[in-house]
Amino acid sequence: MLGASFGEQPAAAALLAPAHPGGGERLGQYPFYGRTAAWDSRGVLRELPVAGTPFVVVYEVDETVGAVIVLRVVHGPSVAARG
């Protein structure tokens, strides 16, 4: 099982955590659950829509250290505009 961290976005974690308890643990258990970010030319980043919100979690999986690294939590249309 991989660990999940909101890293530099504690405000995003505080916003989403009450609505989705255990979300970080689930992402740690199923790190490839989110879709591949079509706009990422490296094919490394993943996107996971947050149910019941307009937000999308943008993250990457670092299997060398066993971690899911949440890079951003963005408003859904912001992600679609990149594609």
Protein backbone atom coordinates (compact mmCIF):
# COMPACT_ATOMS: atom_id res chain seq x y z
CA MET A 1 0.00 0.00 0.00
CA LEU A 2 1.31 3.43 -0.92
CA GLY A 3 1.01 6.53 1.24
CA ALA A 4 -0.85 9.62 0.05
CA SER A 5 0.07 13.18 0.95
CA PHE A 6 -1.33 16.60 0.15
CA GLY A 7 2.20 18.01 0.43
CA GLU A 8 2.17 21.77 -0.05
CA GLN A 9 -1.62 22.17 -0.16
CA PRO A 10 -2.88 21.92 3.40
CA ALA A 11 -5.78 24.25 2.60
CA ALA A 12 -6.99 21.89 -0.11
CA ALA A 13 -6.72 18.96 2.26
CA ALA A 14 -8.68 20.87 4.91
CA LEU A 15 -11.38 21.67 2.37
CA LEU A 16 -11.81 18.15 1.02
CA ALA A 17 -11.00 15.97 4.03
CA PRO A 18 -14.25 16.47 5.98
CA ALA A 19 -16.34 15.58 2.92
CA HIS A 20 -14.21 12.54 2.04
CA PRO A 21 -12.85 10.87 5.18
CA GLY A 22 -10.40 8.12 4.31
CA GLY A 23 -9.87 9.46 0.79
CA GLY A 24 -6.10 9.63 1.22
CA GLU A 25 -5.98 6.07 2.46
CA ARG A 26 -8.06 4.86 -0.48
CA LEU A 27 -5.79 6.64 -2.94
CA GLY A 28 -2.85 4.98 -1.19
CA GLN A 29 -4.49 1.56 -1.62
CA TYR A 30 -5.50 2.13 -5.25
CA PRO A 31 -2.97 4.63 -6.64
CA PHE A 32 -3.86 4.04 -10.27
CA TYR A 33 -7.59 4.51 -9.73
CA GLY A 34 -7.52 7.97 -11.30
CA ARG A 35 -7.27 8.48 -15.05
CA THR A 36 -4.07 9.37 -16.86
CA ALA A 37 -3.92 13.13 -17.42
CA ALA A 38 -4.34 13.42 -21.20
CA TRP A 39 -2.62 16.82 -21.22
CA ASP A 40 0.58 15.50 -19.55
CA SER A 41 3.10 14.79 -22.31
CA ARG A 42 5.21 12.69 -19.91
CA GLY A 43 2.30 10.36 -19.11
CA VAL A 44 3.12 10.51 -15.39
CA LEU A 45 0.35 12.64 -13.93
CA ARG A 46 -3.06 11.30 -12.99
CA GLU A 47 -6.42 12.97 -12.33
CA LEU A 48 -9.07 11.89 -9.87
CA PRO A 49 -12.40 13.74 -9.81
CA VAL A 50 -13.66 14.29 -6.26
CA ALA A 51 -17.23 12.97 -6.08
CA GLY A 52 -19.85 15.56 -5.22
CA THR A 53 -17.53 18.51 -5.89
CA PRO A 54 -16.27 20.38 -8.96
CA PHE A 55 -12.67 19.51 -7.98
CA VAL A 56 -10.09 17.21 -9.53
CA VAL A 57 -7.04 15.94 -7.66
CA VAL A 58 -3.91 15.99 -9.84
CA TYR A 59 -1.31 13.56 -8.54
CA GLU A 60 1.56 11.28 -9.44
CA VAL A 61 2.55 7.86 -8.19
CA ASP A 62 6.17 7.43 -7.10
CA GLU A 63 6.64 3.70 -6.78
CA THR A 64 10.33 4.06 -5.91
CA VAL A 65 9.45 5.60 -2.53
CA GLY A 66 5.96 4.09 -2.23
CA ALA A 67 4.02 7.34 -2.32
CA VAL A 68 1.12 9.07 -4.01
CA ILE A 69 2.02 12.74 -4.31
CA VAL A 70 -0.91 15.11 -4.63
CA LEU A 71 0.33 18.05 -6.67
CA ARG A 72 -2.79 20.15 -7.01
CA VAL A 73 -6.48 20.22 -6.33
CA VAL A 74 -8.07 22.19 -9.14
CA HIS A 75 -11.53 23.19 -10.26
CA GLY A 76 -12.66 20.69 -12.92
CA PRO A 77 -12.94 23.16 -15.83
CA SER A 78 -9.36 24.30 -15.12
CA VAL A 79 -8.11 20.81 -15.92
CA ALA A 80 -10.27 20.47 -19.04
CA ALA A 81 -8.88 23.74 -20.39
CA ARG A 82 -5.36 22.27 -20.43
CA GLY A 83 -6.28 19.44 -22.78
